[in-house]
Amino acid sequence: GRPMVYSCSWPVYQIYARIEPNYAAIAQTCNLWRNYHDIQDSWA
């Protein structure tokens, strides 16, 4: 009953495992989601 934004790392770990993420399900579940590597402190 408490409103909580839900941030998921669901797709990025599946991409690492060569699993195709189900973005329809992800969009029904999460308010935001990570798709790629963690950012590092560099322009690269």
PDB file of all heavy atoms in Angstrom:
ATOM      1  N   GLY A   1       0.799  -1.222   0.000  1.00  0.00           N
ATOM      2  CA  GLY A   1       0.000   0.000   0.000  1.00  0.00           C
ATOM      3  C   GLY A   1       0.831   1.272   0.000  1.00  0.00           C
ATOM      4  O   GLY A   1       0.269   2.367  -0.097  1.00  0.00           O
ATOM      5  N   ARG A   2       2.151   1.138   0.107  1.00  0.00           N
ATOM      6  CA  ARG A   2       3.015   2.324   0.059  1.00  0.00           C
ATOM      7  C   ARG A   2       3.521   2.495  -1.368  1.00  0.00           C
ATOM      8  O   ARG A   2       4.102   1.571  -1.935  1.00  0.00           O
ATOM      9  CB  ARG A   2       4.191   2.206   1.014  1.00  0.00           C
ATOM     10  CG  ARG A   2       5.076   3.438   0.946  1.00  0.00           C
ATOM     11  CD  ARG A   2       6.142   3.508   2.015  1.00  0.00           C
ATOM     12  NE  ARG A   2       6.873   4.772   1.880  1.00  0.00           N
ATOM     13  CZ  ARG A   2       6.486   5.935   2.368  1.00  0.00           C
ATOM     14  NH1 ARG A   2       5.363   6.001   3.066  1.00  0.00           N
ATOM     15  NH2 ARG A   2       7.188   7.044   2.195  1.00  0.00           N
ATOM     16  N   PRO A   3       3.362   3.672  -1.961  1.00  0.00           N
ATOM     17  CA  PRO A   3       3.877   3.884  -3.318  1.00  0.00           C
ATOM     18  C   PRO A   3       5.410   3.836  -3.322  1.00  0.00           C
ATOM     19  O   PRO A   3       6.063   4.623  -2.629  1.00  0.00           O
ATOM     20  CB  PRO A   3       3.371   5.279  -3.686  1.00  0.00           C
ATOM     21  CG  PRO A   3       2.279   5.573  -2.708  1.00  0.00           C
ATOM     22  CD  PRO A   3       2.644   4.851  -1.451  1.00  0.00           C
ATOM     23  N   MET A   4       5.981   2.905  -4.093  1.00  0.00           N
ATOM     24  CA  MET A   4       7.426   2.783  -4.210  1.00  0.00           C
ATOM     25  C   MET A   4       7.808   2.593  -5.667  1.00  0.00           C
ATOM     26  O   MET A   4       7.366   1.630  -6.312  1.00  0.00           O
ATOM     27  CB  MET A   4       7.944   1.601  -3.371  1.00  0.00           C
ATOM     28  CG  MET A   4       7.905   1.842  -1.870  1.00  0.00           C
ATOM     29  SD  MET A   4       8.561   0.460  -0.871  1.00  0.00           S
ATOM     30  CE  MET A   4       7.049  -0.486  -0.575  1.00  0.00           C
ATOM     31  N   VAL A   5       8.595   3.514  -6.204  1.00  0.00           N
ATOM     32  CA  VAL A   5       9.137   3.354  -7.545  1.00  0.00           C
ATOM     33  C   VAL A   5       9.978   2.080  -7.567  1.00  0.00           C
ATOM     34  O   VAL A   5      10.747   1.808  -6.630  1.00  0.00           O
ATOM     35  CB  VAL A   5       9.993   4.577  -7.935  1.00  0.00           C
ATOM     36  CG1 VAL A   5      10.769   4.318  -9.230  1.00  0.00           C
ATOM     37  CG2 VAL A   5       9.115   5.813  -8.081  1.00  0.00           C
ATOM     38  N   TYR A   6       9.839   1.311  -8.645  1.00  0.00           N
ATOM     39  CA  TYR A   6      10.507   0.007  -8.737  1.00  0.00           C
ATOM     40  C   TYR A   6      11.514   0.044  -9.887  1.00  0.00           C
ATOM     41  O   TYR A   6      11.137   0.109 -11.051  1.00  0.00           O
ATOM     42  CB  TYR A   6       9.452  -1.067  -8.968  1.00  0.00           C
ATOM     43  CG  TYR A   6       9.924  -2.503  -8.860  1.00  0.00           C
ATOM     44  CD1 TYR A   6      11.058  -2.861  -8.138  1.00  0.00           C
ATOM     45  CD2 TYR A   6       9.194  -3.521  -9.482  1.00  0.00           C
ATOM     46  CE1 TYR A   6      11.456  -4.182  -8.034  1.00  0.00           C
ATOM     47  CE2 TYR A   6       9.566  -4.850  -9.382  1.00  0.00           C
ATOM     48  CZ  TYR A   6      10.704  -5.178  -8.657  1.00  0.00           C
ATOM     49  OH  TYR A   6      11.092  -6.493  -8.560  1.00  0.00           O
ATOM     50  N   SER A   7      12.781   0.020  -9.518  1.00  0.00           N
ATOM     51  CA  SER A   7      13.884   0.049 -10.493  1.00  0.00           C
ATOM     52  C   SER A   7      14.478  -1.341 -10.604  1.00  0.00           C
ATOM     53  O   SER A   7      14.942  -1.903  -9.599  1.00  0.00           O
ATOM     54  CB  SER A   7      14.949   1.051 -10.029  1.00  0.00           C
ATOM     55  OG  SER A   7      16.123   0.936 -10.800  1.00  0.00           O
ATOM     56  N   CYS A   8      14.491  -1.893 -11.812  1.00  0.00           N
ATOM     57  CA  CYS A   8      14.878  -3.290 -12.022  1.00  0.00           C
ATOM     58  C   CYS A   8      16.173  -3.405 -12.831  1.00  0.00           C
ATOM     59  O   CYS A   8      16.390  -2.641 -13.767  1.00  0.00           O
ATOM     60  CB  CYS A   8      13.781  -4.024 -12.784  1.00  0.00           C
ATOM     61  SG  CYS A   8      12.155  -4.000 -11.987  1.00  0.00           S
ATOM     62  N   SER A   9      16.957  -4.417 -12.475  1.00  0.00           N
ATOM     63  CA  SER A   9      18.112  -4.787 -13.297  1.00  0.00           C
ATOM     64  C   SER A   9      17.841  -6.064 -14.097  1.00  0.00           C
ATOM     65  O   SER A   9      18.760  -6.677 -14.619  1.00  0.00           O
ATOM     66  CB  SER A   9      19.347  -4.987 -12.407  1.00  0.00           C
ATOM     67  OG  SER A   9      19.713  -3.788 -11.777  1.00  0.00           O
ATOM     68  N   TRP A  10      16.619  -6.437 -14.181  1.00  0.00           N
ATOM     69  CA  TRP A  10      16.140  -7.651 -14.824  1.00  0.00           C
ATOM     70  C   TRP A  10      16.701  -7.845 -16.229  1.00  0.00           C
ATOM     71  O   TRP A  10      17.361  -8.857 -16.510  1.00  0.00           O
ATOM     72  CB  TRP A  10      14.633  -7.595 -14.773  1.00  0.00           C
ATOM     73  CG  TRP A  10      13.789  -8.618 -15.442  1.00  0.00           C
ATOM     74  CD1 TRP A  10      14.166  -9.714 -16.133  1.00  0.00           C
ATOM     75  CD2 TRP A  10      12.357  -8.617 -15.444  1.00  0.00           C
ATOM     76  NE1 TRP A  10      13.069 -10.400 -16.576  1.00  0.00           N
ATOM     77  CE2 TRP A  10      11.946  -9.750 -16.166  1.00  0.00           C
ATOM     78  CE3 TRP A  10      11.400  -7.766 -14.906  1.00  0.00           C
ATOM     79  CZ2 TRP A  10      10.589 -10.053 -16.366  1.00  0.00           C
ATOM     80  CZ3 TRP A  10      10.062  -8.072 -15.105  1.00  0.00           C
ATOM     81  CH2 TRP A  10       9.667  -9.200 -15.823  1.00  0.00           C
ATOM     82  N   PRO A  11      16.506  -6.925 -17.183  1.00  0.00           N
ATOM     83  CA  PRO A  11      16.947  -7.223 -18.550  1.00  0.00           C
ATOM     84  C   PRO A  11      18.455  -7.337 -18.714  1.00  0.00           C
ATOM     85  O   PRO A  11      18.935  -8.158 -19.507  1.00  0.00           O
ATOM     86  CB  PRO A  11      16.373  -6.081 -19.392  1.00  0.00           C
ATOM     87  CG  PRO A  11      16.070  -5.001 -18.422  1.00  0.00           C
ATOM     88  CD  PRO A  11      15.757  -5.659 -17.119  1.00  0.00           C
ATOM     89  N   VAL A  12      19.240  -6.542 -17.987  1.00  0.00           N
ATOM     90  CA  VAL A  12      20.680  -6.555 -18.233  1.00  0.00           C
ATOM     91  C   VAL A  12      21.289  -7.904 -17.878  1.00  0.00           C
ATOM     92  O   VAL A  12      22.155  -8.419 -18.602  1.00  0.00           O
ATOM     93  CB  VAL A  12      21.385  -5.403 -17.493  1.00  0.00           C
ATOM     94  CG1 VAL A  12      21.316  -5.539 -15.990  1.00  0.00           C
ATOM     95  CG2 VAL A  12      22.844  -5.293 -17.944  1.00  0.00           C
ATOM     96  N   TYR A  13      20.821  -8.531 -16.803  1.00  0.00           N
ATOM     97  CA  TYR A  13      21.371  -9.837 -16.442  1.00  0.00           C
ATOM     98  C   TYR A  13      20.930 -10.915 -17.427  1.00  0.00           C
ATOM     99  O   TYR A  13      21.669 -11.875 -17.685  1.00  0.00           O
ATOM    100  CB  TYR A  13      20.976 -10.195 -15.009  1.00  0.00           C
ATOM    101  CG  TYR A  13      21.770  -9.411 -13.996  1.00  0.00           C
ATOM    102  CD1 TYR A  13      21.273  -8.232 -13.443  1.00  0.00           C
ATOM    103  CD2 TYR A  13      23.039  -9.817 -13.612  1.00  0.00           C
ATOM    104  CE1 TYR A  13      22.009  -7.497 -12.527  1.00  0.00           C
ATOM    105  CE2 TYR A  13      23.785  -9.092 -12.696  1.00  0.00           C
ATOM    106  CZ  TYR A  13      23.268  -7.933 -12.166  1.00  0.00           C
ATOM    107  OH  TYR A  13      24.015  -7.206 -11.267  1.00  0.00           O
ATOM    108  N   GLN A  14      19.741 -10.776 -17.983  1.00  0.00           N
ATOM    109  CA  GLN A  14      19.322 -11.731 -19.006  1.00  0.00           C
ATOM    110  C   GLN A  14      20.101 -11.531 -20.299  1.00  0.00           C
ATOM    111  O   GLN A  14      20.475 -12.508 -20.971  1.00  0.00           O
ATOM    112  CB  GLN A  14      17.817 -11.603 -19.243  1.00  0.00           C
ATOM    113  CG  GLN A  14      17.005 -12.059 -18.037  1.00  0.00           C
ATOM    114  CD  GLN A  14      15.544 -12.271 -18.345  1.00  0.00           C
ATOM    115  OE1 GLN A  14      14.965 -11.585 -19.189  1.00  0.00           O
ATOM    116  NE2 GLN A  14      14.925 -13.216 -17.654  1.00  0.00           N
ATOM    117  N   ILE A  15      20.397 -10.290 -20.640  1.00  0.00           N
ATOM    118  CA  ILE A  15      21.214 -10.029 -21.822  1.00  0.00           C
ATOM    119  C   ILE A  15      22.602 -10.632 -21.646  1.00  0.00           C
ATOM    120  O   ILE A  15      23.152 -11.257 -22.562  1.00  0.00           O
ATOM    121  CB  ILE A  15      21.281  -8.522 -22.108  1.00  0.00           C
ATOM    122  CG1 ILE A  15      19.906  -8.014 -22.591  1.00  0.00           C
ATOM    123  CG2 ILE A  15      22.349  -8.194 -23.141  1.00  0.00           C
ATOM    124  CD1 ILE A  15      19.766  -6.509 -22.622  1.00  0.00           C
ATOM    125  N   TYR A  16      23.179 -10.484 -20.452  1.00  0.00           N
ATOM    126  CA  TYR A  16      24.470 -11.127 -20.171  1.00  0.00           C
ATOM    127  C   TYR A  16      24.401 -12.639 -20.387  1.00  0.00           C
ATOM    128  O   TYR A  16      25.363 -13.264 -20.843  1.00  0.00           O
ATOM    129  CB  TYR A  16      24.890 -10.872 -18.721  1.00  0.00           C
ATOM    130  CG  TYR A  16      25.334  -9.473 -18.402  1.00  0.00           C
ATOM    131  CD1 TYR A  16      25.292  -9.007 -17.089  1.00  0.00           C
ATOM    132  CD2 TYR A  16      25.796  -8.603 -19.380  1.00  0.00           C
ATOM    133  CE1 TYR A  16      25.702  -7.723 -16.759  1.00  0.00           C
ATOM    134  CE2 TYR A  16      26.197  -7.317 -19.066  1.00  0.00           C
ATOM    135  CZ  TYR A  16      26.158  -6.879 -17.764  1.00  0.00           C
ATOM    136  OH  TYR A  16      26.559  -5.612 -17.441  1.00  0.00           O
ATOM    137  N   ALA A  17      23.254 -13.242 -20.032  1.00  0.00           N
ATOM    138  CA  ALA A  17      23.081 -14.685 -20.146  1.00  0.00           C
ATOM    139  C   ALA A  17      22.558 -15.111 -21.512  1.00  0.00           C
ATOM    140  O   ALA A  17      22.224 -16.286 -21.699  1.00  0.00           O
ATOM    141  CB  ALA A  17      22.127 -15.168 -19.053  1.00  0.00           C
ATOM    142  N   ARG A  18      22.488 -14.176 -22.462  1.00  0.00           N
ATOM    143  CA  ARG A  18      21.998 -14.440 -23.816  1.00  0.00           C
ATOM    144  C   ARG A  18      20.540 -14.908 -23.821  1.00  0.00           C
ATOM    145  O   ARG A  18      20.129 -15.755 -24.612  1.00  0.00           O
ATOM    146  CB  ARG A  18      22.897 -15.439 -24.548  1.00  0.00           C
ATOM    147  CG  ARG A  18      24.340 -14.959 -24.677  1.00  0.00           C
ATOM    148  CD  ARG A  18      25.185 -15.908 -25.517  1.00  0.00           C
ATOM    149  NE  ARG A  18      26.563 -15.475 -25.574  1.00  0.00           N
ATOM    150  CZ  ARG A  18      27.052 -14.550 -26.410  1.00  0.00           C
ATOM    151  NH1 ARG A  18      26.228 -13.969 -27.269  1.00  0.00           N
ATOM    152  NH2 ARG A  18      28.326 -14.218 -26.389  1.00  0.00           N
ATOM    153  N   ILE A  19      19.763 -14.339 -22.906  1.00  0.00           N
ATOM    154  CA  ILE A  19      18.320 -14.549 -22.871  1.00  0.00           C
ATOM    155  C   ILE A  19      17.666 -13.287 -23.406  1.00  0.00           C
ATOM    156  O   ILE A  19      18.009 -12.185 -22.994  1.00  0.00           O
ATOM    157  CB  ILE A  19      17.839 -14.803 -21.427  1.00  0.00           C
ATOM    158  CG1 ILE A  19      18.551 -16.017 -20.829  1.00  0.00           C
ATOM    159  CG2 ILE A  19      16.330 -14.969 -21.375  1.00  0.00           C
ATOM    160  CD1 ILE A  19      18.350 -16.145 -19.324  1.00  0.00           C
ATOM    161  N   GLU A  20      16.724 -13.423 -24.310  1.00  0.00           N
ATOM    162  CA  GLU A  20      16.047 -12.246 -24.853  1.00  0.00           C
ATOM    163  C   GLU A  20      15.048 -11.716 -23.833  1.00  0.00           C
ATOM    164  O   GLU A  20      14.102 -12.425 -23.455  1.00  0.00           O
ATOM    165  CB  GLU A  20      15.329 -12.586 -26.150  1.00  0.00           C
ATOM    166  CG  GLU A  20      14.699 -11.372 -26.817  1.00  0.00           C
ATOM    167  CD  GLU A  20      14.108 -11.691 -28.184  1.00  0.00           C
ATOM    168  OE1 GLU A  20      14.341 -12.802 -28.694  1.00  0.00           O
ATOM    169  OE2 GLU A  20      13.396 -10.822 -28.719  1.00  0.00           O
ATOM    170  N   PRO A  21      15.221 -10.489 -23.354  1.00  0.00           N
ATOM    171  CA  PRO A  21      14.284  -9.966 -22.351  1.00  0.00           C
ATOM    172  C   PRO A  21      12.872  -9.820 -22.907  1.00  0.00           C
ATOM    173  O   PRO A  21      12.679  -9.459 -24.076  1.00  0.00           O
ATOM    174  CB  PRO A  21      14.870  -8.592 -21.999  1.00  0.00           C
ATOM    175  CG  PRO A  21      16.310  -8.665 -22.401  1.00  0.00           C
ATOM    176  CD  PRO A  21      16.329  -9.552 -23.611  1.00  0.00           C
ATOM    177  N   ASN A  22      11.913 -10.086 -22.066  1.00  0.00           N
ATOM    178  CA  ASN A  22      10.512  -9.892 -22.403  1.00  0.00           C
ATOM    179  C   ASN A  22      10.122  -8.484 -21.963  1.00  0.00           C
ATOM    180  O   ASN A  22       9.678  -8.277 -20.828  1.00  0.00           O
ATOM    181  CB  ASN A  22       9.654 -10.950 -21.706  1.00  0.00           C
ATOM    182  CG  ASN A  22       8.178 -10.811 -22.025  1.00  0.00           C
ATOM    183  OD1 ASN A  22       7.739  -9.826 -22.623  1.00  0.00           O
ATOM    184  ND2 ASN A  22       7.392 -11.786 -21.625  1.00  0.00           N
ATOM    185  N   TYR A  23      10.310  -7.512 -22.856  1.00  0.00           N
ATOM    186  CA  TYR A  23      10.093  -6.120 -22.463  1.00  0.00           C
ATOM    187  C   TYR A  23       8.624  -5.816 -22.190  1.00  0.00           C
ATOM    188  O   TYR A  23       8.318  -4.898 -21.422  1.00  0.00           O
ATOM    189  CB  TYR A  23      10.664  -5.182 -23.512  1.00  0.00           C
ATOM    190  CG  TYR A  23      12.167  -5.038 -23.393  1.00  0.00           C
ATOM    191  CD1 TYR A  23      13.023  -5.641 -24.295  1.00  0.00           C
ATOM    192  CD2 TYR A  23      12.726  -4.316 -22.340  1.00  0.00           C
ATOM    193  CE1 TYR A  23      14.408  -5.528 -24.165  1.00  0.00           C
ATOM    194  CE2 TYR A  23      14.099  -4.192 -22.196  1.00  0.00           C
ATOM    195  CZ  TYR A  23      14.933  -4.804 -23.114  1.00  0.00           C
ATOM    196  OH  TYR A  23      16.297  -4.693 -22.969  1.00  0.00           O
ATOM    197  N   ALA A  24       7.723  -6.598 -22.767  1.00  0.00           N
ATOM    198  CA  ALA A  24       6.307  -6.391 -22.440  1.00  0.00           C
ATOM    199  C   ALA A  24       6.066  -6.674 -20.963  1.00  0.00           C
ATOM    200  O   ALA A  24       5.380  -5.917 -20.265  1.00  0.00           O
ATOM    201  CB  ALA A  24       5.432  -7.281 -23.307  1.00  0.00           C
ATOM    202  N   ALA A  25       6.649  -7.751 -20.475  1.00  0.00           N
ATOM    203  CA  ALA A  25       6.504  -8.090 -19.057  1.00  0.00           C
ATOM    204  C   ALA A  25       7.262  -7.102 -18.184  1.00  0.00           C
ATOM    205  O   ALA A  25       6.783  -6.720 -17.104  1.00  0.00           O
ATOM    206  CB  ALA A  25       6.997  -9.516 -18.809  1.00  0.00           C
ATOM    207  N   ILE A  26       8.437  -6.692 -18.624  1.00  0.00           N
ATOM    208  CA  ILE A  26       9.232  -5.745 -17.848  1.00  0.00           C
ATOM    209  C   ILE A  26       8.488  -4.426 -17.683  1.00  0.00           C
ATOM    210  O   ILE A  26       8.438  -3.848 -16.597  1.00  0.00           O
ATOM    211  CB  ILE A  26      10.602  -5.547 -18.511  1.00  0.00           C
ATOM    212  CG1 ILE A  26      11.431  -6.846 -18.406  1.00  0.00           C
ATOM    213  CG2 ILE A  26      11.366  -4.390 -17.887  1.00  0.00           C
ATOM    214  CD1 ILE A  26      12.640  -6.887 -19.311  1.00  0.00           C
ATOM    215  N   ALA A  27       7.881  -3.942 -18.772  1.00  0.00           N
ATOM    216  CA  ALA A  27       7.143  -2.677 -18.719  1.00  0.00           C
ATOM    217  C   ALA A  27       5.893  -2.779 -17.856  1.00  0.00           C
ATOM    218  O   ALA A  27       5.401  -1.769 -17.346  1.00  0.00           O
ATOM    219  CB  ALA A  27       6.778  -2.228 -20.134  1.00  0.00           C
ATOM    220  N   GLN A  28       5.350  -3.985 -17.685  1.00  0.00           N
ATOM    221  CA  GLN A  28       4.199  -4.179 -16.808  1.00  0.00           C
ATOM    222  C   GLN A  28       4.593  -4.254 -15.341  1.00  0.00           C
ATOM    223  O   GLN A  28       3.743  -4.131 -14.468  1.00  0.00           O
ATOM    224  CB  GLN A  28       3.459  -5.460 -17.189  1.00  0.00           C
ATOM    225  CG  GLN A  28       2.680  -5.361 -18.495  1.00  0.00           C
ATOM    226  CD  GLN A  28       1.971  -6.667 -18.817  1.00  0.00           C
ATOM    227  OE1 GLN A  28       2.567  -7.739 -18.797  1.00  0.00           O
ATOM    228  NE2 GLN A  28       0.683  -6.565 -19.109  1.00  0.00           N
ATOM    229  N   THR A  29       5.891  -4.451 -15.091  1.00  0.00           N
ATOM    230  CA  THR A  29       6.358  -4.722 -13.734  1.00  0.00           C
ATOM    231  C   THR A  29       7.154  -3.577 -13.134  1.00  0.00           C
ATOM    232  O   THR A  29       7.013  -3.273 -11.949  1.00  0.00           O
ATOM    233  CB  THR A  29       7.237  -5.992 -13.729  1.00  0.00           C
ATOM    234  OG1 THR A  29       6.466  -7.100 -14.206  1.00  0.00           O
ATOM    235  CG2 THR A  29       7.801  -6.294 -12.357  1.00  0.00           C
ATOM    236  N   CYS A  30       8.003  -2.934 -13.945  1.00  0.00           N
ATOM    237  CA  CYS A  30       9.019  -2.014 -13.423  1.00  0.00           C
ATOM    238  C   CYS A  30       8.757  -0.592 -13.903  1.00  0.00           C
ATOM    239  O   CYS A  30       8.276  -0.377 -15.015  1.00  0.00           O
ATOM    240  CB  CYS A  30      10.405  -2.449 -13.889  1.00  0.00           C
ATOM    241  SG  CYS A  30      10.787  -4.188 -13.536  1.00  0.00           S
ATOM    242  N   ASN A  31       9.144   0.376 -13.079  1.00  0.00           N
ATOM    243  CA  ASN A  31       9.093   1.777 -13.497  1.00  0.00           C
ATOM    244  C   ASN A  31      10.308   2.179 -14.316  1.00  0.00           C
ATOM    245  O   ASN A  31      10.235   3.132 -15.109  1.00  0.00           O
ATOM    246  CB  ASN A  31       8.988   2.701 -12.288  1.00  0.00           C
ATOM    247  CG  ASN A  31       7.682   2.553 -11.547  1.00  0.00           C
ATOM    248  OD1 ASN A  31       7.645   2.102 -10.411  1.00  0.00           O
ATOM    249  ND2 ASN A  31       6.586   2.940 -12.177  1.00  0.00           N
ATOM    250  N   LEU A  32      11.427   1.533 -14.108  1.00  0.00           N
ATOM    251  CA  LEU A  32      12.633   1.748 -14.917  1.00  0.00           C
ATOM    252  C   LEU A  32      13.475   0.497 -14.840  1.00  0.00           C
ATOM    253  O   LEU A  32      13.332  -0.312 -13.922  1.00  0.00           O
ATOM    254  CB  LEU A  32      13.416   2.973 -14.443  1.00  0.00           C
ATOM    255  CG  LEU A  32      13.935   3.034 -13.017  1.00  0.00           C
ATOM    256  CD1 LEU A  32      15.170   3.936 -12.951  1.00  0.00           C
ATOM    257  CD2 LEU A  32      12.878   3.585 -12.058  1.00  0.00           C
ATOM    258  N   TRP A  33      14.330   0.340 -15.856  1.00  0.00           N
ATOM    259  CA  TRP A  33      15.117  -0.889 -15.934  1.00  0.00           C
ATOM    260  C   TRP A  33      16.428  -0.649 -16.666  1.00  0.00           C
ATOM    261  O   TRP A  33      16.514   0.153 -17.579  1.00  0.00           O
ATOM    262  CB  TRP A  33      14.330  -1.997 -16.640  1.00  0.00           C
ATOM    263  CG  TRP A  33      13.783  -1.580 -17.968  1.00  0.00           C
ATOM    264  CD1 TRP A  33      14.417  -1.597 -19.179  1.00  0.00           C
ATOM    265  CD2 TRP A  33      12.468  -1.059 -18.241  1.00  0.00           C
ATOM    266  NE1 TRP A  33      13.603  -1.127 -20.178  1.00  0.00           N
ATOM    267  CE2 TRP A  33      12.394  -0.788 -19.621  1.00  0.00           C
ATOM    268  CE3 TRP A  33      11.350  -0.817 -17.427  1.00  0.00           C
ATOM    269  CZ2 TRP A  33      11.249  -0.279 -20.212  1.00  0.00           C
ATOM    270  CZ3 TRP A  33      10.214  -0.304 -18.030  1.00  0.00           C
ATOM    271  CH2 TRP A  33      10.167  -0.048 -19.407  1.00  0.00           C
ATOM    272  N   ARG A  34      17.439  -1.363 -16.213  1.00  0.00           N
ATOM    273  CA  ARG A  34      18.777  -1.296 -16.792  1.00  0.00           C
ATOM    274  C   ARG A  34      18.913  -2.315 -17.918  1.00  0.00           C
ATOM    275  O   ARG A  34      18.474  -3.456 -17.798  1.00  0.00           O
ATOM    276  CB  ARG A  34      19.817  -1.573 -15.711  1.00  0.00           C
ATOM    277  CG  ARG A  34      19.971  -0.454 -14.663  1.00  0.00           C
ATOM    278  CD  ARG A  34      20.803   0.694 -15.192  1.00  0.00           C
ATOM    279  NE  ARG A  34      22.050   0.188 -15.738  1.00  0.00           N
ATOM    280  CZ  ARG A  34      23.079  -0.257 -15.021  1.00  0.00           C
ATOM    281  NH1 ARG A  34      23.019  -0.205 -13.700  1.00  0.00           N
ATOM    282  NH2 ARG A  34      24.159  -0.722 -15.605  1.00  0.00           N
ATOM    283  N   ASN A  35      19.583  -1.891 -19.001  1.00  0.00           N
ATOM    284  CA  ASN A  35      19.789  -2.757 -20.160  1.00  0.00           C
ATOM    285  C   ASN A  35      21.254  -3.042 -20.470  1.00  0.00           C
ATOM    286  O   ASN A  35      21.546  -3.906 -21.288  1.00  0.00           O
ATOM    287  CB  ASN A  35      19.188  -2.102 -21.416  1.00  0.00           C
ATOM    288  CG  ASN A  35      17.716  -1.809 -21.274  1.00  0.00           C
ATOM    289  OD1 ASN A  35      16.891  -2.711 -21.261  1.00  0.00           O
ATOM    290  ND2 ASN A  35      17.374  -0.529 -21.142  1.00  0.00           N
ATOM    291  N   TYR A  36      22.170  -2.321 -19.838  1.00  0.00           N
ATOM    292  CA  TYR A  36      23.561  -2.350 -20.287  1.00  0.00           C
ATOM    293  C   TYR A  36      24.482  -2.232 -19.079  1.00  0.00           C
ATOM    294  O   TYR A  36      24.039  -2.121 -17.935  1.00  0.00           O
ATOM    295  CB  TYR A  36      23.783  -1.196 -21.284  1.00  0.00           C
ATOM    296  CG  TYR A  36      25.102  -1.222 -22.017  1.00  0.00           C
ATOM    297  CD1 TYR A  36      25.431  -2.291 -22.859  1.00  0.00           C
ATOM    298  CD2 TYR A  36      26.012  -0.190 -21.877  1.00  0.00           C
ATOM    299  CE1 TYR A  36      26.648  -2.313 -23.529  1.00  0.00           C
ATOM    300  CE2 TYR A  36      27.220  -0.206 -22.550  1.00  0.00           C
ATOM    301  CZ  TYR A  36      27.538  -1.268 -23.372  1.00  0.00           C
ATOM    302  OH  TYR A  36      28.731  -1.295 -24.031  1.00  0.00           O
ATOM    303  N   HIS A  37      25.791  -2.245 -19.342  1.00  0.00           N
ATOM    304  CA  HIS A  37      26.800  -2.256 -18.287  1.00  0.00           C
ATOM    305  C   HIS A  37      26.662  -1.060 -17.338  1.00  0.00           C
ATOM    306  O   HIS A  37      26.172   0.005 -17.704  1.00  0.00           O
ATOM    307  CB  HIS A  37      28.209  -2.202 -18.897  1.00  0.00           C
ATOM    308  CG  HIS A  37      28.502  -3.281 -19.888  1.00  0.00           C
ATOM    309  ND1 HIS A  37      28.241  -4.611 -19.660  1.00  0.00           N
ATOM    310  CD2 HIS A  37      29.062  -3.227 -21.133  1.00  0.00           C
ATOM    311  CE1 HIS A  37      28.609  -5.319 -20.712  1.00  0.00           C
ATOM    312  NE2 HIS A  37      29.097  -4.506 -21.617  1.00  0.00           N
ATOM    313  N   ASP A  38      27.183  -1.252 -16.117  1.00  0.00           N
ATOM    314  CA  ASP A  38      27.307  -0.139 -15.179  1.00  0.00           C
ATOM    315  C   ASP A  38      28.183   0.958 -15.778  1.00  0.00           C
ATOM    316  O   ASP A  38      29.212   0.680 -16.405  1.00  0.00           O
ATOM    317  CB  ASP A  38      27.980  -0.595 -13.883  1.00  0.00           C
ATOM    318  CG  ASP A  38      27.065  -1.422 -13.008  1.00  0.00           C
ATOM    319  OD1 ASP A  38      25.901  -1.646 -13.386  1.00  0.00           O
ATOM    320  OD2 ASP A  38      27.528  -1.854 -11.939  1.00  0.00           O
ATOM    321  N   ILE A  39      27.774   2.179 -15.555  1.00  0.00           N
ATOM    322  CA  ILE A  39      28.596   3.295 -16.015  1.00  0.00           C
ATOM    323  C   ILE A  39      29.847   3.402 -15.141  1.00  0.00           C
ATOM    324  O   ILE A  39      29.817   3.130 -13.940  1.00  0.00           O
ATOM    325  CB  ILE A  39      27.792   4.612 -15.991  1.00  0.00           C
ATOM    326  CG1 ILE A  39      28.482   5.682 -16.846  1.00  0.00           C
ATOM    327  CG2 ILE A  39      27.547   5.104 -14.567  1.00  0.00           C
ATOM    328  CD1 ILE A  39      27.606   6.886 -17.129  1.00  0.00           C
ATOM    329  N   GLN A  40      30.965   3.768 -15.779  1.00  0.00           N
ATOM    330  CA  GLN A  40      32.223   4.017 -15.087  1.00  0.00           C
ATOM    331  C   GLN A  40      32.588   5.491 -15.278  1.00  0.00           C
ATOM    332  O   GLN A  40      32.009   6.183 -16.097  1.00  0.00           O
ATOM    333  CB  GLN A  40      33.332   3.116 -15.636  1.00  0.00           C
ATOM    334  CG  GLN A  40      32.992   1.638 -15.634  1.00  0.00           C
ATOM    335  CD  GLN A  40      32.752   1.065 -14.254  1.00  0.00           C
ATOM    336  OE1 GLN A  40      33.452   1.419 -13.305  1.00  0.00           O
ATOM    337  NE2 GLN A  40      31.756   0.198 -14.121  1.00  0.00           N
ATOM    338  N   ASP A  41      33.571   5.938 -14.533  1.00  0.00           N
ATOM    339  CA  ASP A  41      33.918   7.364 -14.565  1.00  0.00           C
ATOM    340  C   ASP A  41      34.872   7.655 -15.716  1.00  0.00           C
ATOM    341  O   ASP A  41      36.048   7.975 -15.510  1.00  0.00           O
ATOM    342  CB  ASP A  41      34.533   7.788 -13.236  1.00  0.00           C
ATOM    343  CG  ASP A  41      34.617   9.299 -13.097  1.00  0.00           C
ATOM    344  OD1 ASP A  41      34.040  10.006 -13.948  1.00  0.00           O
ATOM    345  OD2 ASP A  41      35.253   9.782 -12.142  1.00  0.00           O
ATOM    346  N   SER A  42      34.348   7.529 -16.944  1.00  0.00           N
ATOM    347  CA  SER A  42      35.181   7.773 -18.125  1.00  0.00           C
ATOM    348  C   SER A  42      34.304   8.124 -19.311  1.00  0.00           C
ATOM    349  O   SER A  42      33.142   7.698 -19.400  1.00  0.00           O
ATOM    350  CB  SER A  42      36.025   6.541 -18.467  1.00  0.00           C
ATOM    351  OG  SER A  42      35.226   5.509 -19.027  1.00  0.00           O
ATOM    352  N   TRP A  43      34.877   8.871 -20.243  1.00  0.00           N
ATOM    353  CA  TRP A  43      34.186   9.185 -21.488  1.00  0.00           C
ATOM    354  C   TRP A  43      33.970   7.916 -22.314  1.00  0.00           C
ATOM    355  O   TRP A  43      32.931   7.767 -22.967  1.00  0.00           O
ATOM    356  CB  TRP A  43      34.981  10.223 -22.264  1.00  0.00           C
ATOM    357  CG  TRP A  43      34.414  10.576 -23.615  1.00  0.00           C
ATOM    358  CD1 TRP A  43      35.064  10.513 -24.804  1.00  0.00           C
ATOM    359  CD2 TRP A  43      33.088  11.062 -23.905  1.00  0.00           C
ATOM    360  NE1 TRP A  43      34.235  10.922 -25.830  1.00  0.00           N
ATOM    361  CE2 TRP A  43      33.021  11.274 -25.312  1.00  0.00           C
ATOM    362  CE3 TRP A  43      31.981  11.345 -23.128  1.00  0.00           C
ATOM    363  CZ2 TRP A  43      31.876  11.741 -25.936  1.00  0.00           C
ATOM    364  CZ3 TRP A  43      30.821  11.814 -23.764  1.00  0.00           C
ATOM    365  CH2 TRP A  43      30.786  12.013 -25.149  1.00  0.00           C
ATOM    366  N   ALA A  44      34.924   6.987 -22.269  1.00  0.00           N
ATOM    367  CA  ALA A  44      34.758   5.736 -23.013  1.00  0.00           C
ATOM    368  C   ALA A  44      33.515   4.989 -22.546  1.00  0.00           C
ATOM    369  O   ALA A  44      32.778   4.413 -23.364  1.00  0.00           O
ATOM    370  CB  ALA A  44      36.004   4.858 -22.849  1.00  0.00           C
TER     371      ALA A  44
END
